[in-house]
N, C-alpha and C. Protein backbone atom coordinates (compact mmCIF):
# COMPACT_ATOMS: atom_id res chain seq x y z
N UNK A 1 0.82 -1.21 -0.01
CA UNK A 1 -0.01 0.01 -0.02
C UNK A 1 0.87 1.23 -0.01
N UNK A 2 1.95 1.27 0.73
CA UNK A 2 2.83 2.41 0.76
C UNK A 2 3.42 2.76 -0.59
N UNK A 3 3.78 1.66 -1.35
CA UNK A 3 4.31 1.90 -2.67
C UNK A 3 3.33 2.59 -3.60
N UNK A 4 2.09 2.15 -3.56
CA UNK A 4 1.05 2.74 -4.39
C UNK A 4 0.82 4.24 -3.95
N UNK A 5 0.80 4.46 -2.66
CA UNK A 5 0.64 5.81 -2.14
C UNK A 5 1.73 6.74 -2.64
N UNK A 6 2.96 6.27 -2.52
CA UNK A 6 4.05 7.07 -2.94
C UNK A 6 4.11 7.31 -4.43
N UNK A 7 3.67 6.31 -5.22
CA UNK A 7 3.60 6.51 -6.71
C UNK A 7 2.56 7.53 -7.05
N UNK A 8 1.37 7.48 -6.41
CA UNK A 8 0.35 8.45 -6.69
C UNK A 8 0.78 9.87 -6.30
N UNK A 9 1.52 9.98 -5.21
CA UNK A 9 2.03 11.29 -4.77
C UNK A 9 3.08 11.80 -5.76
N UNK A 10 3.88 10.87 -6.30
CA UNK A 10 4.93 11.24 -7.28
C UNK A 10 4.28 11.77 -8.55
N UNK A 11 3.23 11.12 -9.06
CA UNK A 11 2.54 11.61 -10.23
C UNK A 11 1.95 12.95 -10.02
N UNK A 12 1.34 13.14 -8.85
CA UNK A 12 0.76 14.43 -8.54
C UNK A 12 1.84 15.48 -8.44
N UNK A 13 2.97 15.21 -7.81
CA UNK A 13 4.07 16.15 -7.68
C UNK A 13 4.62 16.53 -9.04
N UNK A 14 4.72 15.52 -9.95
CA UNK A 14 5.25 15.79 -11.28
C UNK A 14 4.32 16.76 -11.99
N UNK A 15 2.98 16.57 -11.84
CA UNK A 15 2.03 17.45 -12.46
C UNK A 15 2.15 18.90 -11.87
N UNK A 16 2.22 18.95 -10.56
CA UNK A 16 2.23 20.26 -9.90
C UNK A 16 3.56 20.97 -10.16
N UNK A 17 4.63 20.30 -10.43
CA UNK A 17 5.96 20.87 -10.66
C UNK A 17 5.93 21.88 -11.81
N UNK A 18 5.02 21.75 -12.74
CA UNK A 18 4.96 22.65 -13.88
C UNK A 18 4.55 24.05 -13.45
N UNK A 19 3.96 24.20 -12.27
CA UNK A 19 3.59 25.49 -11.75
C UNK A 19 4.60 26.04 -10.72
N UNK A 20 5.71 25.37 -10.59
CA UNK A 20 6.65 25.74 -9.56
C UNK A 20 7.73 26.76 -9.97
N UNK A 21 7.68 27.24 -11.18
CA UNK A 21 8.71 28.21 -11.60
C UNK A 21 8.48 29.54 -10.85
N UNK A 22 9.46 29.91 -10.05
CA UNK A 22 9.28 31.14 -9.25
C UNK A 22 9.95 32.35 -9.88
N UNK A 23 10.48 32.20 -11.07
CA UNK A 23 11.08 33.32 -11.77
C UNK A 23 10.04 34.39 -11.96
N UNK A 24 10.21 35.58 -11.48
CA UNK A 24 9.18 36.60 -11.47
C UNK A 24 8.81 37.01 -12.91
N UNK A 25 9.76 37.02 -13.86
CA UNK A 25 9.41 37.33 -15.24
C UNK A 25 8.48 36.25 -15.79
N UNK A 26 8.81 34.99 -15.49
CA UNK A 26 8.00 33.91 -15.95
C UNK A 26 6.61 33.97 -15.34
N UNK A 27 6.52 34.26 -14.06
CA UNK A 27 5.22 34.27 -13.35
C UNK A 27 4.33 35.34 -13.89
N UNK A 28 4.91 36.47 -14.31
CA UNK A 28 4.13 37.52 -14.92
C UNK A 28 3.57 37.20 -16.25
N UNK A 29 4.27 36.33 -17.00
CA UNK A 29 3.88 35.97 -18.35
C UNK A 29 3.50 34.44 -18.42
N UNK A 30 2.96 33.98 -17.33
CA UNK A 30 2.64 32.56 -17.23
C UNK A 30 1.57 32.18 -18.32
N UNK A 31 1.85 31.05 -18.97
CA UNK A 31 0.91 30.57 -19.99
C UNK A 31 -0.39 30.00 -19.36
N UNK A 32 -0.41 29.86 -18.03
CA UNK A 32 -1.55 29.30 -17.34
C UNK A 32 -2.50 30.42 -16.98
N UNK A 33 -3.46 30.66 -17.85
CA UNK A 33 -4.41 31.74 -17.66
C UNK A 33 -5.27 31.45 -16.37
N UNK A 34 -5.47 32.47 -15.59
CA UNK A 34 -6.26 32.36 -14.37
C UNK A 34 -5.49 31.91 -13.16
N UNK A 35 -4.21 31.70 -13.26
CA UNK A 35 -3.38 31.35 -12.10
C UNK A 35 -3.09 32.64 -11.33
N UNK A 36 -3.69 32.78 -10.20
CA UNK A 36 -3.45 33.98 -9.42
C UNK A 36 -2.40 33.70 -8.35
N UNK A 37 -1.99 34.74 -7.65
CA UNK A 37 -1.05 34.55 -6.56
C UNK A 37 -1.55 33.59 -5.53
N UNK A 38 -2.80 33.68 -5.24
CA UNK A 38 -3.39 32.78 -4.19
C UNK A 38 -3.40 31.33 -4.68
N UNK A 39 -3.83 31.11 -5.92
CA UNK A 39 -3.88 29.75 -6.40
C UNK A 39 -2.46 29.23 -6.61
N UNK A 40 -1.54 30.12 -6.96
CA UNK A 40 -0.12 29.68 -7.10
C UNK A 40 0.40 29.24 -5.75
N UNK A 41 0.03 29.98 -4.70
CA UNK A 41 0.50 29.63 -3.33
C UNK A 41 -0.06 28.29 -2.91
N UNK A 42 -1.34 28.05 -3.24
CA UNK A 42 -1.92 26.75 -2.90
C UNK A 42 -1.27 25.59 -3.63
N UNK A 43 -1.07 25.83 -4.96
CA UNK A 43 -0.40 24.80 -5.75
C UNK A 43 1.00 24.53 -5.20
N UNK A 44 1.71 25.55 -4.82
CA UNK A 44 3.06 25.41 -4.24
C UNK A 44 3.02 24.56 -2.97
N UNK A 45 2.05 24.91 -2.07
CA UNK A 45 1.89 24.17 -0.81
C UNK A 45 1.51 22.67 -1.11
N UNK A 46 0.66 22.48 -2.09
CA UNK A 46 0.28 21.11 -2.46
C UNK A 46 1.45 20.34 -3.02
N UNK A 47 2.28 21.06 -3.83
CA UNK A 47 3.45 20.41 -4.42
C UNK A 47 4.43 20.00 -3.27
N UNK A 48 4.65 20.85 -2.30
CA UNK A 48 5.53 20.54 -1.16
C UNK A 48 4.96 19.34 -0.36
N UNK A 49 3.68 19.30 -0.16
CA UNK A 49 3.06 18.20 0.56
C UNK A 49 3.28 16.86 -0.22
N UNK A 50 3.01 16.93 -1.50
CA UNK A 50 3.17 15.72 -2.38
C UNK A 50 4.61 15.24 -2.27
N UNK A 51 5.59 16.11 -2.27
CA UNK A 51 7.00 15.74 -2.14
C UNK A 51 7.25 15.06 -0.78
N UNK A 52 6.62 15.57 0.24
CA UNK A 52 6.76 14.91 1.57
C UNK A 52 6.23 13.50 1.54
N UNK A 53 5.09 13.33 0.88
CA UNK A 53 4.48 12.00 0.80
C UNK A 53 5.31 11.05 -0.04
N UNK A 54 6.02 11.54 -1.02
CA UNK A 54 6.92 10.70 -1.82
C UNK A 54 7.99 10.09 -0.96
N UNK A 55 8.50 10.89 0.02
CA UNK A 55 9.57 10.39 0.88
C UNK A 55 9.10 9.66 2.10
N UNK A 56 7.76 9.55 2.27
CA UNK A 56 7.22 8.92 3.48
C UNK A 56 7.63 7.48 3.63
N UNK A 57 7.85 7.08 4.87
CA UNK A 57 8.18 5.70 5.19
C UNK A 57 6.99 4.98 5.67
N UNK A 58 5.91 5.69 5.97
CA UNK A 58 4.62 5.13 6.39
C UNK A 58 3.53 6.14 6.01
N UNK A 59 2.32 5.66 5.89
CA UNK A 59 1.21 6.58 5.66
C UNK A 59 0.03 6.16 6.51
N UNK A 60 -0.73 7.17 6.94
CA UNK A 60 -1.89 6.93 7.79
C UNK A 60 -3.15 6.97 6.89
N UNK A 61 -4.28 6.56 7.45
CA UNK A 61 -5.51 6.61 6.74
C UNK A 61 -5.83 8.11 6.37
N UNK A 62 -5.47 9.04 7.23
CA UNK A 62 -5.64 10.46 7.00
C UNK A 62 -4.80 10.91 5.81
N UNK A 63 -3.58 10.43 5.70
CA UNK A 63 -2.74 10.76 4.53
C UNK A 63 -3.40 10.28 3.23
N UNK A 64 -3.91 9.08 3.25
CA UNK A 64 -4.51 8.51 2.06
C UNK A 64 -5.72 9.31 1.62
N UNK A 65 -6.52 9.72 2.62
CA UNK A 65 -7.69 10.55 2.33
C UNK A 65 -7.29 11.92 1.75
N UNK A 66 -6.23 12.54 2.38
CA UNK A 66 -5.79 13.83 1.95
C UNK A 66 -5.22 13.76 0.53
N UNK A 67 -4.42 12.70 0.23
CA UNK A 67 -3.92 12.52 -1.11
C UNK A 67 -5.02 12.34 -2.15
N UNK A 68 -6.00 11.53 -1.80
CA UNK A 68 -7.21 11.32 -2.69
C UNK A 68 -7.88 12.60 -3.00
N UNK A 69 -8.11 13.43 -1.96
CA UNK A 69 -8.77 14.71 -2.13
C UNK A 69 -7.98 15.64 -3.00
N UNK A 70 -6.63 15.69 -2.79
CA UNK A 70 -5.79 16.52 -3.52
C UNK A 70 -5.77 16.11 -5.01
N UNK A 71 -5.65 14.82 -5.27
CA UNK A 71 -5.68 14.31 -6.61
C UNK A 71 -6.96 14.66 -7.33
N UNK A 72 -8.10 14.54 -6.64
CA UNK A 72 -9.42 14.89 -7.17
C UNK A 72 -9.46 16.39 -7.51
N UNK A 73 -8.89 17.19 -6.60
CA UNK A 73 -8.92 18.69 -6.84
C UNK A 73 -8.20 19.07 -8.15
N UNK A 74 -7.21 18.33 -8.53
CA UNK A 74 -6.43 18.59 -9.71
C UNK A 74 -6.89 17.75 -10.89
N UNK A 75 -8.02 17.06 -10.76
CA UNK A 75 -8.58 16.37 -11.90
C UNK A 75 -8.10 14.97 -12.19
N UNK A 76 -7.38 14.37 -11.26
CA UNK A 76 -6.90 13.03 -11.44
C UNK A 76 -8.02 12.07 -11.20
N UNK A 77 -8.05 10.98 -11.93
CA UNK A 77 -9.17 10.03 -11.72
C UNK A 77 -9.04 9.30 -10.34
N UNK A 78 -10.20 8.97 -9.81
CA UNK A 78 -10.14 8.21 -8.54
C UNK A 78 -10.66 6.82 -8.81
N UNK A 79 -10.18 5.90 -8.02
CA UNK A 79 -10.62 4.53 -8.20
C UNK A 79 -12.00 4.36 -7.58
N UNK A 80 -12.81 3.45 -8.17
CA UNK A 80 -14.17 3.24 -7.65
C UNK A 80 -14.16 2.57 -6.33
């Protein structure tokens, strides 16, 4: 179960990494229309959390629920 959890976190982190460029010139001319400072901050926090989950040596039921919610928020499919 931990392996699957870490893989799902890695996929999410890879997706979120595209929003991680902190170069101010890039941020002003971001190709991602509608990305505001607030949503960029949330995406950054989610990226950092996903990276922590990748390195996790154990996961709780709460971690699994949080990862599932985060994946759903970014449009990743959920298992039935």
